[in-house]
């Protein structure tokens, strides 16, 4: 039943076309990734997809090398191509001035992207499930994320070619599936470390919410689906421009602020990766509404937005961390 439910969600609800695709599963050896790999092993031949596994050894625990060897042995027994990388996550955290959790995520996604980029029609499949989605919604609420982003992570992210086939599956169903098939799983003790905010959300806040609403998991799924509908509508309502980093002032003047803000975010994405502070976007929009010609706004990653007479122009300064620089004047 779990396999059929995942297929219906991934193909039916999310619209993923798996025929001819390569699924690169992020395989930590934990319950979620083990069950994801097992489910996709069933679905891949049925749907015409090819399956591979990718494991990143963070080098943070003495047993991590043995866990990587176990992950490789698991994949060998199931005839699944296995790729491994040992990352210096602690060193990356020091170099970037970020936490271990963020550094580990950067190392994993860089490896997955490298593998995906070397294969045609490849997608990274991640083991996030419905309880992870509940955590993500709370984390976004704490950060002050707006709507519809508050609905949580995407199940299908075409821009980064990421799949989350288990996103509507409760953790209890995953654990039951692993137990029924006697699948070997790794339990990461760091998941119980209260030093990490996500663990405090998982182990303290969410149980309290569940005590108030035992059907909170269903509410999480409803919120996610409503956010997805609104996201699709808003994206479809945006005008298209030949250059997404040059937004005509006359067009902006006739749009609702909700659409203008989304156009700014789209322009910033076109300049390169990175998050934009909502306060800066609101300030930019207020200046655009006043036609404050000549005002320049700074964004992370060396990005700027300059209000011109004819257009609001987003640029990546030389030496920034993004991928685009627009040098035209407007």
C-alpha atoms as a PDB file:
ATOM      1  CA  UNK A   1       0.000   0.000   0.000  1.00  0.00           C
ATOM      2  CA  UNK A   2       2.825   2.422   0.801  1.00  0.00           C
ATOM      3  CA  UNK A   3       4.361   1.953  -2.640  1.00  0.00           C
ATOM      4  CA  UNK A   4       1.051   2.607  -4.401  1.00  0.00           C
ATOM      5  CA  UNK A   5       0.399   5.670  -2.233  1.00  0.00           C
ATOM      6  CA  UNK A   6       3.813   7.101  -3.053  1.00  0.00           C
ATOM      7  CA  UNK A   7       3.254   6.492  -6.763  1.00  0.00           C
ATOM      8  CA  UNK A   8      -0.124   8.220  -6.669  1.00  0.00           C
ATOM      9  CA  UNK A   9       1.314  11.198  -4.808  1.00  0.00           C
ATOM     10  CA  UNK A  10       4.440  11.577  -6.930  1.00  0.00           C
ATOM     11  CA  UNK A  11       2.960  10.927 -10.357  1.00  0.00           C
ATOM     12  CA  UNK A  12      -0.731  11.665  -9.862  1.00  0.00           C
ATOM     13  CA  UNK A  13      -0.776  14.639  -7.501  1.00  0.00           C
ATOM     14  CA  UNK A  14       2.642  16.199  -8.205  1.00  0.00           C
ATOM     15  CA  UNK A  15       2.717  15.420 -11.930  1.00  0.00           C
ATOM     16  CA  UNK A  16       6.229  13.938 -12.040  1.00  0.00           C
ATOM     17  CA  UNK A  17       7.023  12.027 -15.242  1.00  0.00           C
ATOM     18  CA  UNK A  18       9.423   9.245 -14.244  1.00  0.00           C
ATOM     19  CA  UNK A  19       9.796   7.549 -17.625  1.00  0.00           C
ATOM     20  CA  UNK A  20      13.486   7.628 -18.572  1.00  0.00           C
ATOM     21  CA  UNK A  21      14.455   9.534 -15.418  1.00  0.00           C
ATOM     22  CA  UNK A  22      17.349   8.719 -13.094  1.00  0.00           C
ATOM     23  CA  UNK A  23      16.465   8.944  -9.419  1.00  0.00           C
ATOM     24  CA  UNK A  24      19.504   9.660  -7.232  1.00  0.00           C
ATOM     25  CA  UNK A  25      18.414   8.839  -3.696  1.00  0.00           C
ATOM     26  CA  UNK A  26      20.071  10.690  -0.845  1.00  0.00           C
ATOM     27  CA  UNK A  27      20.857   7.627   1.251  1.00  0.00           C
ATOM     28  CA  UNK A  28      21.968   8.236   4.837  1.00  0.00           C
ATOM     29  CA  UNK A  29      20.969   4.805   6.082  1.00  0.00           C
ATOM     30  CA  UNK A  30      18.332   6.267   8.397  1.00  0.00           C
ATOM     31  CA  UNK A  31      14.742   4.962   8.371  1.00  0.00           C
ATOM     32  CA  UNK A  32      13.420   7.556   5.928  1.00  0.00           C
ATOM     33  CA  UNK A  33      16.116   7.078   3.292  1.00  0.00           C
ATOM     34  CA  UNK A  34      16.110   3.272   3.653  1.00  0.00           C
ATOM     35  CA  UNK A  35      12.351   3.089   3.164  1.00  0.00           C
ATOM     36  CA  UNK A  36      12.520   5.593   0.292  1.00  0.00           C
ATOM     37  CA  UNK A  37      15.148   3.474  -1.444  1.00  0.00           C
ATOM     38  CA  UNK A  38      13.097   0.311  -0.889  1.00  0.00           C
ATOM     39  CA  UNK A  39       9.912   1.925  -2.232  1.00  0.00           C
ATOM     40  CA  UNK A  40      11.635   3.385  -5.288  1.00  0.00           C
ATOM     41  CA  UNK A  41      13.267   0.007  -5.959  1.00  0.00           C
ATOM     42  CA  UNK A  42       9.737  -1.299  -6.462  1.00  0.00           C
ATOM     43  CA  UNK A  43       8.507   1.698  -8.452  1.00  0.00           C
ATOM     44  CA  UNK A  44      11.521   2.336 -10.711  1.00  0.00           C
ATOM     45  CA  UNK A  45      11.084  -0.658 -13.057  1.00  0.00           C
ATOM     46  CA  UNK A  46       7.327  -0.210 -12.989  1.00  0.00           C
ATOM     47  CA  UNK A  47       7.563   3.458 -14.025  1.00  0.00           C
ATOM     48  CA  UNK A  48      10.583   3.255 -16.326  1.00  0.00           C
ATOM     49  CA  UNK A  49      13.080   5.035 -14.053  1.00  0.00           C
ATOM     50  CA  UNK A  50      16.679   4.203 -13.157  1.00  0.00           C
ATOM     51  CA  UNK A  51      17.762   4.190  -9.501  1.00  0.00           C
ATOM     52  CA  UNK A  52      21.073   5.129  -7.846  1.00  0.00           C
ATOM     53  CA  UNK A  53      22.074   5.985  -4.275  1.00  0.00           C
ATOM     54  CA  UNK A  54      24.346   8.714  -2.906  1.00  0.00           C
ATOM     55  CA  UNK A  55      25.812   8.780   0.607  1.00  0.00           C
ATOM     56  CA  UNK A  56      27.761  11.581   2.295  1.00  0.00           C
ATOM     57  CA  UNK A  57      29.926  10.727   5.292  1.00  0.00           C
ATOM     58  CA  UNK A  58      30.016  13.930   7.349  1.00  0.00           C
ATOM     59  CA  UNK A  59      32.986  12.741   9.366  1.00  0.00           C
ATOM     60  CA  UNK A  60      31.443  14.025  12.588  1.00  0.00           C
ATOM     61  CA  UNK A  61      31.072  10.730  14.483  1.00  0.00           C
ATOM     62  CA  UNK A  62      33.547   7.855  14.942  1.00  0.00           C
ATOM     63  CA  UNK A  63      31.018   5.352  13.591  1.00  0.00           C
ATOM     64  CA  UNK A  64      30.284   7.272  10.385  1.00  0.00           C
ATOM     65  CA  UNK A  65      32.800   5.312   8.276  1.00  0.00           C
ATOM     66  CA  UNK A  66      31.252   2.014   9.356  1.00  0.00           C
ATOM     67  CA  UNK A  67      27.789   3.378   8.567  1.00  0.00           C
ATOM     68  CA  UNK A  68      28.965   4.353   5.088  1.00  0.00           C
ATOM     69  CA  UNK A  69      30.256   0.799   4.563  1.00  0.00           C
ATOM     70  CA  UNK A  70      26.899  -0.594   5.709  1.00  0.00           C
ATOM     71  CA  UNK A  71      25.089   1.707   3.292  1.00  0.00           C
ATOM     72  CA  UNK A  72      27.286   0.486   0.450  1.00  0.00           C
ATOM     73  CA  UNK A  73      26.666  -3.156   1.414  1.00  0.00           C
ATOM     74  CA  UNK A  74      22.915  -2.543   1.508  1.00  0.00           C
ATOM     75  CA  UNK A  75      22.947  -1.110  -2.004  1.00  0.00           C
ATOM     76  CA  UNK A  76      25.180  -3.913  -3.285  1.00  0.00           C
ATOM     77  CA  UNK A  77      22.700  -6.495  -1.958  1.00  0.00           C
ATOM     78  CA  UNK A  78      19.885  -4.701  -3.778  1.00  0.00           C
ATOM     79  CA  UNK A  79      21.922  -4.151  -6.979  1.00  0.00           C
ATOM     80  CA  UNK A  80      21.696  -0.368  -6.682  1.00  0.00           C
ATOM     81  CA  UNK A  81      24.644   1.749  -7.927  1.00  0.00           C
ATOM     82  CA  UNK A  82      26.222   3.455  -4.912  1.00  0.00           C
ATOM     83  CA  UNK A  83      28.165   6.716  -4.725  1.00  0.00           C
ATOM     84  CA  UNK A  84      29.961   7.947  -1.614  1.00  0.00           C
ATOM     85  CA  UNK A  85      31.768  11.100  -0.587  1.00  0.00           C
ATOM     86  CA  UNK A  86      33.504  11.901   2.685  1.00  0.00           C
ATOM     87  CA  UNK A  87      33.074  15.572   3.522  1.00  0.00           C
ATOM     88  CA  UNK A  88      34.862  17.716   6.072  1.00  0.00           C
ATOM     89  CA  UNK A  89      31.668  19.234   7.410  1.00  0.00           C
ATOM     90  CA  UNK A  90      33.338  20.695  10.506  1.00  0.00           C
ATOM     91  CA  UNK A  91      35.920  22.414   8.316  1.00  0.00           C
ATOM     92  CA  UNK A  92      33.241  23.717   5.973  1.00  0.00           C
ATOM     93  CA  UNK A  93      31.313  25.116   8.935  1.00  0.00           C
ATOM     94  CA  UNK A  94      34.400  26.979  10.157  1.00  0.00           C
ATOM     95  CA  UNK A  95      35.237  28.241   6.677  1.00  0.00           C
ATOM     96  CA  UNK A  96      31.725  29.569   6.007  1.00  0.00           C
ATOM     97  CA  UNK A  97      30.962  30.681   9.549  1.00  0.00           C
ATOM     98  CA  UNK A  98      27.827  28.542   9.689  1.00  0.00           C
ATOM     99  CA  UNK A  99      26.493  25.750  11.903  1.00  0.00           C
ATOM    100  CA  UNK A 100      27.216  22.064  11.427  1.00  0.00           C
ATOM    101  CA  UNK A 101      23.657  21.374  10.314  1.00  0.00           C
ATOM    102  CA  UNK A 102      23.816  23.977   7.538  1.00  0.00           C
ATOM    103  CA  UNK A 103      27.308  22.857   6.528  1.00  0.00           C
ATOM    104  CA  UNK A 104      26.183  19.240   6.289  1.00  0.00           C
ATOM    105  CA  UNK A 105      23.276  20.265   4.093  1.00  0.00           C
ATOM    106  CA  UNK A 106      25.586  22.226   1.799  1.00  0.00           C
ATOM    107  CA  UNK A 107      27.943  19.242   1.467  1.00  0.00           C
ATOM    108  CA  UNK A 108      25.111  16.834   0.687  1.00  0.00           C
ATOM    109  CA  UNK A 109      23.394  19.024  -1.861  1.00  0.00           C
ATOM    110  CA  UNK A 110      26.663  19.834  -3.622  1.00  0.00           C
ATOM    111  CA  UNK A 111      27.372  16.110  -4.024  1.00  0.00           C
ATOM    112  CA  UNK A 112      23.837  15.367  -5.195  1.00  0.00           C
ATOM    113  CA  UNK A 113      23.994  18.236  -7.695  1.00  0.00           C
ATOM    114  CA  UNK A 114      27.331  16.992  -9.032  1.00  0.00           C
ATOM    115  CA  UNK A 115      25.915  13.515  -9.630  1.00  0.00           C
ATOM    116  CA  UNK A 116      22.693  14.854 -11.084  1.00  0.00           C
ATOM    117  CA  UNK A 117      24.476  17.197 -13.476  1.00  0.00           C
ATOM    118  CA  UNK A 118      26.421  14.293 -14.998  1.00  0.00           C
ATOM    119  CA  UNK A 119      23.251  12.413 -15.969  1.00  0.00           C
ATOM    120  CA  UNK A 120      20.481  13.354 -18.383  1.00  0.00           C
ATOM    121  CA  UNK A 121      17.001  13.720 -16.910  1.00  0.00           C
ATOM    122  CA  UNK A 122      18.236  13.075 -13.369  1.00  0.00           C
ATOM    123  CA  UNK A 123      16.445  14.002 -10.147  1.00  0.00           C
ATOM    124  CA  UNK A 124      17.574  13.949  -6.529  1.00  0.00           C
ATOM    125  CA  UNK A 125      15.114  12.001  -4.372  1.00  0.00           C
ATOM    126  CA  UNK A 126      15.110  12.920  -0.685  1.00  0.00           C
ATOM    127  CA  UNK A 127      13.481  11.108   2.230  1.00  0.00           C
ATOM    128  CA  UNK A 128      11.595  13.982   3.869  1.00  0.00           C
ATOM    129  CA  UNK A 129       8.241  12.772   5.189  1.00  0.00           C
ATOM    130  CA  UNK A 130       5.135  14.346   6.734  1.00  0.00           C
ATOM    131  CA  UNK A 131       6.620  14.761  10.204  1.00  0.00           C
ATOM    132  CA  UNK A 132       9.590  16.552   8.620  1.00  0.00           C
ATOM    133  CA  UNK A 133       7.091  18.784   6.822  1.00  0.00           C
ATOM    134  CA  UNK A 134       5.454  19.597  10.166  1.00  0.00           C
ATOM    135  CA  UNK A 135       8.875  20.580  11.534  1.00  0.00           C
ATOM    136  CA  UNK A 136       9.548  22.685   8.453  1.00  0.00           C
ATOM    137  CA  UNK A 137       6.269  24.566   8.821  1.00  0.00           C
ATOM    138  CA  UNK A 138       7.069  25.407  12.454  1.00  0.00           C
ATOM    139  CA  UNK A 139      10.633  26.429  11.545  1.00  0.00           C
ATOM    140  CA  UNK A 140       9.297  28.735   8.845  1.00  0.00           C
ATOM    141  CA  UNK A 141       6.770  30.210  11.268  1.00  0.00           C
ATOM    142  CA  UNK A 142       9.586  30.938  13.737  1.00  0.00           C
ATOM    143  CA  UNK A 143      11.558  32.696  10.974  1.00  0.00           C
ATOM    144  CA  UNK A 144       8.517  34.731   9.919  1.00  0.00           C
ATOM    145  CA  UNK A 145       8.083  33.180   6.468  1.00  0.00           C
ATOM    146  CA  UNK A 146       5.152  34.629   4.527  1.00  0.00           C
ATOM    147  CA  UNK A 147       2.379  32.917   2.646  1.00  0.00           C
ATOM    148  CA  UNK A 148       2.391  30.596   0.713  1.00  0.00           C
ATOM    149  CA  UNK A 149       5.960  29.709   1.715  1.00  0.00           C
ATOM    150  CA  UNK A 150       4.638  28.890   5.180  1.00  0.00           C
ATOM    151  CA  UNK A 151       3.172  25.707   3.696  1.00  0.00           C
ATOM    152  CA  UNK A 152       6.623  24.150   3.730  1.00  0.00           C
ATOM    153  CA  UNK A 153       9.077  22.428   1.421  1.00  0.00           C
ATOM    154  CA  UNK A 154       8.121  21.378  -2.112  1.00  0.00           C
ATOM    155  CA  UNK A 155       7.499  17.763  -3.034  1.00  0.00           C
ATOM    156  CA  UNK A 156       8.546  18.493  -6.616  1.00  0.00           C
ATOM    157  CA  UNK A 157      11.088  21.252  -7.243  1.00  0.00           C
ATOM    158  CA  UNK A 158      11.745  21.480 -11.001  1.00  0.00           C
ATOM    159  CA  UNK A 159      14.276  24.331 -10.653  1.00  0.00           C
ATOM    160  CA  UNK A 160      16.577  22.196  -8.493  1.00  0.00           C
ATOM    161  CA  UNK A 161      15.200  18.874  -9.797  1.00  0.00           C
ATOM    162  CA  UNK A 162      14.423  17.589  -6.314  1.00  0.00           C
ATOM    163  CA  UNK A 163      11.779  15.005  -5.429  1.00  0.00           C
ATOM    164  CA  UNK A 164      10.341  14.241  -2.010  1.00  0.00           C
ATOM    165  CA  UNK A 165       8.160  11.179  -2.686  1.00  0.00           C
ATOM    166  CA  UNK A 166       7.412  10.474   1.006  1.00  0.00           C
ATOM    167  CA  UNK A 167       6.310  14.003   1.897  1.00  0.00           C
ATOM    168  CA  UNK A 168       2.703  12.985   2.650  1.00  0.00           C
ATOM    169  CA  UNK A 169       3.735   9.786   4.475  1.00  0.00           C
ATOM    170  CA  UNK A 170       3.679   9.845   8.312  1.00  0.00           C
ATOM    171  CA  UNK A 171       6.808   8.755  10.159  1.00  0.00           C
ATOM    172  CA  UNK A 172       4.788   6.002  11.855  1.00  0.00           C
ATOM    173  CA  UNK A 173       4.017   4.415   8.455  1.00  0.00           C
ATOM    174  CA  UNK A 174       7.702   4.550   7.524  1.00  0.00           C
ATOM    175  CA  UNK A 175       8.766   2.906  10.765  1.00  0.00           C
ATOM    176  CA  UNK A 176       6.095   0.217  10.353  1.00  0.00           C
ATOM    177  CA  UNK A 177       7.255  -0.479   6.776  1.00  0.00           C
ATOM    178  CA  UNK A 178      10.884  -0.796   7.871  1.00  0.00           C
ATOM    179  CA  UNK A 179       9.910  -3.117  10.728  1.00  0.00           C
ATOM    180  CA  UNK A 180       7.692  -5.291   8.527  1.00  0.00           C
ATOM    181  CA  UNK A 181      10.547  -5.881   6.056  1.00  0.00           C
ATOM    182  CA  UNK A 182      13.246  -6.047   8.761  1.00  0.00           C
ATOM    183  CA  UNK A 183      15.174  -3.299   6.985  1.00  0.00           C
ATOM    184  CA  UNK A 184      18.441  -2.329   8.715  1.00  0.00           C
ATOM    185  CA  UNK A 185      18.391   1.341   9.710  1.00  0.00           C
ATOM    186  CA  UNK A 186      20.825   3.730  11.398  1.00  0.00           C
ATOM    187  CA  UNK A 187      19.713   5.954  14.267  1.00  0.00           C
ATOM    188  CA  UNK A 188      21.640   9.220  14.372  1.00  0.00           C
ATOM    189  CA  UNK A 189      22.037  10.255  18.026  1.00  0.00           C
ATOM    190  CA  UNK A 190      22.451  13.895  16.993  1.00  0.00           C
ATOM    191  CA  UNK A 191      18.704  13.944  16.212  1.00  0.00           C
ATOM    192  CA  UNK A 192      18.126  14.101  19.972  1.00  0.00           C
ATOM    193  CA  UNK A 193      20.614  16.887  20.655  1.00  0.00           C
ATOM    194  CA  UNK A 194      18.653  19.917  21.940  1.00  0.00           C
ATOM    195  CA  UNK A 195      21.447  22.208  20.757  1.00  0.00           C
ATOM    196  CA  UNK A 196      19.798  22.126  17.334  1.00  0.00           C
ATOM    197  CA  UNK A 197      16.594  24.121  16.898  1.00  0.00           C
ATOM    198  CA  UNK A 198      15.084  21.503  14.599  1.00  0.00           C
ATOM    199  CA  UNK A 199      15.462  18.895  17.333  1.00  0.00           C
ATOM    200  CA  UNK A 200      13.761  21.165  19.853  1.00  0.00           C
ATOM    201  CA  UNK A 201      10.891  21.603  17.409  1.00  0.00           C
ATOM    202  CA  UNK A 202      10.712  17.845  16.803  1.00  0.00           C
ATOM    203  CA  UNK A 203      11.050  16.641  20.365  1.00  0.00           C
ATOM    204  CA  UNK A 204       9.381  19.427  22.353  1.00  0.00           C
ATOM    205  CA  UNK A 205       7.132  21.732  20.340  1.00  0.00           C
ATOM    206  CA  UNK A 206       5.470  19.235  17.992  1.00  0.00           C
ATOM    207  CA  UNK A 207       4.480  16.773  20.741  1.00  0.00           C
ATOM    208  CA  UNK A 208       2.761  19.660  22.541  1.00  0.00           C
ATOM    209  CA  UNK A 209       0.890  20.594  19.363  1.00  0.00           C
ATOM    210  CA  UNK A 210      -0.115  16.961  18.852  1.00  0.00           C
ATOM    211  CA  UNK A 211      -1.462  16.888  22.412  1.00  0.00           C
ATOM    212  CA  UNK A 212      -3.720  19.820  21.500  1.00  0.00           C
ATOM    213  CA  UNK A 213      -4.666  18.337  18.116  1.00  0.00           C
ATOM    214  CA  UNK A 214      -4.047  14.598  17.701  1.00  0.00           C
ATOM    215  CA  UNK A 215      -4.809  14.992  13.980  1.00  0.00           C
ATOM    216  CA  UNK A 216      -2.194  17.668  13.473  1.00  0.00           C
ATOM    217  CA  UNK A 217      -0.502  15.600  10.749  1.00  0.00           C
ATOM    218  CA  UNK A 218      -3.631  15.872   8.622  1.00  0.00           C
ATOM    219  CA  UNK A 219      -3.698  19.624   9.230  1.00  0.00           C
ATOM    220  CA  UNK A 220      -0.065  19.808   8.069  1.00  0.00           C
ATOM    221  CA  UNK A 221      -1.019  18.094   4.806  1.00  0.00           C
ATOM    222  CA  UNK A 222      -4.020  20.410   4.292  1.00  0.00           C
ATOM    223  CA  UNK A 223      -1.894  23.496   4.875  1.00  0.00           C
ATOM    224  CA  UNK A 224       0.714  22.206   2.413  1.00  0.00           C
ATOM    225  CA  UNK A 225      -1.873  21.503  -0.284  1.00  0.00           C
ATOM    226  CA  UNK A 226      -3.572  24.912   0.137  1.00  0.00           C
ATOM    227  CA  UNK A 227      -0.190  26.652  -0.052  1.00  0.00           C
ATOM    228  CA  UNK A 228       0.664  24.713  -3.212  1.00  0.00           C
ATOM    229  CA  UNK A 229      -2.595  25.784  -4.871  1.00  0.00           C
ATOM    230  CA  UNK A 230      -2.005  29.431  -3.978  1.00  0.00           C
ATOM    231  CA  UNK A 231       1.634  29.218  -5.080  1.00  0.00           C
ATOM    232  CA  UNK A 232       0.610  27.871  -8.480  1.00  0.00           C
ATOM    233  CA  UNK A 233      -2.003  30.607  -8.883  1.00  0.00           C
ATOM    234  CA  UNK A 234       0.368  33.420  -7.957  1.00  0.00           C
ATOM    235  CA  UNK A 235       3.118  32.134 -10.230  1.00  0.00           C
ATOM    236  CA  UNK A 236       0.648  31.837 -13.125  1.00  0.00           C
ATOM    237  CA  UNK A 237      -0.462  35.443 -12.479  1.00  0.00           C
ATOM    238  CA  UNK A 238       3.027  36.909 -12.933  1.00  0.00           C
ATOM    239  CA  UNK A 239       3.785  38.700 -16.204  1.00  0.00           C
ATOM    240  CA  UNK A 240       6.717  37.478 -18.259  1.00  0.00           C
ATOM    241  CA  UNK A 241       9.505  39.791 -19.381  1.00  0.00           C
ATOM    242  CA  UNK A 242      12.276  39.199 -21.936  1.00  0.00           C
ATOM    243  CA  UNK A 243      14.776  39.857 -19.136  1.00  0.00           C
ATOM    244  CA  UNK A 244      13.517  38.750 -15.696  1.00  0.00           C
ATOM    245  CA  UNK A 245      16.088  41.032 -14.026  1.00  0.00           C
ATOM    246  CA  UNK A 246      14.764  44.204 -15.709  1.00  0.00           C
ATOM    247  CA  UNK A 247      11.198  44.983 -14.590  1.00  0.00           C
ATOM    248  CA  UNK A 248       9.409  47.830 -16.423  1.00  0.00           C
ATOM    249  CA  UNK A 249       8.295  50.513 -13.970  1.00  0.00           C
ATOM    250  CA  UNK A 250       5.010  51.119 -15.819  1.00  0.00           C
ATOM    251  CA  UNK A 251       4.090  47.445 -15.513  1.00  0.00           C
ATOM    252  CA  UNK A 252       5.034  47.353 -11.832  1.00  0.00           C
ATOM    253  CA  UNK A 253       2.840  50.373 -11.137  1.00  0.00           C
ATOM    254  CA  UNK A 254      -0.244  48.455 -12.275  1.00  0.00           C
ATOM    255  CA  UNK A 255       0.370  45.313 -10.229  1.00  0.00           C
ATOM    256  CA  UNK A 256      -0.780  44.324  -6.771  1.00  0.00           C
ATOM    257  CA  UNK A 257       2.068  44.435  -4.204  1.00  0.00           C
ATOM    258  CA  UNK A 258       1.837  40.669  -3.749  1.00  0.00           C
ATOM    259  CA  UNK A 259       2.766  40.185  -7.404  1.00  0.00           C
ATOM    260  CA  UNK A 260       5.472  42.838  -7.352  1.00  0.00           C
ATOM    261  CA  UNK A 261       7.167  41.150  -4.393  1.00  0.00           C
ATOM    262  CA  UNK A 262       7.158  37.825  -6.225  1.00  0.00           C
ATOM    263  CA  UNK A 263       8.685  39.475  -9.287  1.00  0.00           C
ATOM    264  CA  UNK A 264      11.492  40.850  -7.116  1.00  0.00           C
ATOM    265  CA  UNK A 265      12.175  37.389  -5.716  1.00  0.00           C
ATOM    266  CA  UNK A 266      12.154  35.901  -9.206  1.00  0.00           C
ATOM    267  CA  UNK A 267      14.634  38.539 -10.394  1.00  0.00           C
ATOM    268  CA  UNK A 268      16.927  37.827  -7.447  1.00  0.00           C
ATOM    269  CA  UNK A 269      16.809  34.088  -8.185  1.00  0.00           C
ATOM    270  CA  UNK A 270      17.772  34.839 -11.771  1.00  0.00           C
ATOM    271  CA  UNK A 271      20.869  36.630 -10.456  1.00  0.00           C
ATOM    272  CA  UNK A 272      21.962  33.664  -8.373  1.00  0.00           C
ATOM    273  CA  UNK A 273      21.267  31.675  -5.198  1.00  0.00           C
ATOM    274  CA  UNK A 274      20.609  33.187  -1.801  1.00  0.00           C
ATOM    275  CA  UNK A 275      17.832  34.421   0.467  1.00  0.00           C
ATOM    276  CA  UNK A 276      16.456  37.958   0.499  1.00  0.00           C
ATOM    277  CA  UNK A 277      15.310  39.614   3.723  1.00  0.00           C
ATOM    278  CA  UNK A 278      11.608  40.440   3.681  1.00  0.00           C
ATOM    279  CA  UNK A 279      12.268  43.840   5.251  1.00  0.00           C
ATOM    280  CA  UNK A 280      14.508  44.817   2.329  1.00  0.00           C
ATOM    281  CA  UNK A 281      11.926  43.646  -0.194  1.00  0.00           C
ATOM    282  CA  UNK A 282       9.208  45.685   1.540  1.00  0.00           C
ATOM    283  CA  UNK A 283      11.449  48.746   1.562  1.00  0.00           C
ATOM    284  CA  UNK A 284      12.235  48.242  -2.117  1.00  0.00           C
ATOM    285  CA  UNK A 285       8.553  47.964  -2.960  1.00  0.00           C
ATOM    286  CA  UNK A 286       7.740  51.153  -1.065  1.00  0.00           C
ATOM    287  CA  UNK A 287      10.451  52.959  -3.025  1.00  0.00           C
ATOM    288  CA  UNK A 288       9.175  51.531  -6.310  1.00  0.00           C
ATOM    289  CA  UNK A 289       5.655  52.735  -5.493  1.00  0.00           C
ATOM    290  CA  UNK A 290       7.086  56.237  -4.933  1.00  0.00           C
ATOM    291  CA  UNK A 291       9.191  55.987  -8.121  1.00  0.00           C
ATOM    292  CA  UNK A 292      12.308  56.836  -6.114  1.00  0.00           C
ATOM    293  CA  UNK A 293      14.585  56.952  -9.166  1.00  0.00           C
ATOM    294  CA  UNK A 294      18.231  56.288  -8.405  1.00  0.00           C
ATOM    295  CA  UNK A 295      17.659  54.372  -5.151  1.00  0.00           C
ATOM    296  CA  UNK A 296      19.843  51.259  -4.866  1.00  0.00           C
ATOM    297  CA  UNK A 297      19.101  48.317  -2.572  1.00  0.00           C
ATOM    298  CA  UNK A 298      21.661  45.734  -1.483  1.00  0.00           C
ATOM    299  CA  UNK A 299      20.904  42.001  -1.187  1.00  0.00           C
ATOM    300  CA  UNK A 300      22.997  39.051   0.028  1.00  0.00           C
ATOM    301  CA  UNK A 301      25.408  37.493  -2.438  1.00  0.00           C
ATOM    302  CA  UNK A 302      26.476  40.779  -4.032  1.00  0.00           C
ATOM    303  CA  UNK A 303      23.091  41.472  -5.627  1.00  0.00           C
ATOM    304  CA  UNK A 304      21.623  44.939  -6.060  1.00  0.00           C
ATOM    305  CA  UNK A 305      18.367  46.458  -7.254  1.00  0.00           C
ATOM    306  CA  UNK A 306      18.423  49.931  -8.801  1.00  0.00           C
ATOM    307  CA  UNK A 307      15.296  51.953  -9.523  1.00  0.00           C
ATOM    308  CA  UNK A 308      15.608  53.610 -12.918  1.00  0.00           C
ATOM    309  CA  UNK A 309      13.244  55.857 -14.846  1.00  0.00           C
ATOM    310  CA  UNK A 310      12.084  53.018 -17.080  1.00  0.00           C
ATOM    311  CA  UNK A 311      12.965  49.856 -15.204  1.00  0.00           C
ATOM    312  CA  UNK A 312      13.880  48.325 -11.878  1.00  0.00           C
ATOM    313  CA  UNK A 313      17.145  46.529 -12.627  1.00  0.00           C
ATOM    314  CA  UNK A 314      18.639  43.698 -10.588  1.00  0.00           C
ATOM    315  CA  UNK A 315      22.344  42.994 -10.962  1.00  0.00           C
ATOM    316  CA  UNK A 316      25.028  40.754  -9.573  1.00  0.00           C
ATOM    317  CA  UNK A 317      28.148  42.769  -8.784  1.00  0.00           C
ATOM    318  CA  UNK A 318      31.479  41.417  -9.977  1.00  0.00           C
ATOM    319  CA  UNK A 319      32.849  39.004  -7.412  1.00  0.00           C
ATOM    320  CA  UNK A 320      29.382  38.049  -6.110  1.00  0.00           C
ATOM    321  CA  UNK A 321      28.472  34.451  -5.450  1.00  0.00           C
ATOM    322  CA  UNK A 322      25.693  34.197  -8.021  1.00  0.00           C
ATOM    323  CA  UNK A 323      25.728  33.348 -11.683  1.00  0.00           C
ATOM    324  CA  UNK A 324      24.520  36.380 -13.590  1.00  0.00           C
ATOM    325  CA  UNK A 325      25.431  39.994 -14.170  1.00  0.00           C
ATOM    326  CA  UNK A 326      23.183  42.325 -16.103  1.00  0.00           C
ATOM    327  CA  UNK A 327      25.229  45.229 -17.439  1.00  0.00           C
ATOM    328  CA  UNK A 328      22.618  46.996 -19.496  1.00  0.00           C
ATOM    329  CA  UNK A 329      21.513  50.472 -18.499  1.00  0.00           C
ATOM    330  CA  UNK A 330      17.864  51.419 -18.256  1.00  0.00           C
END
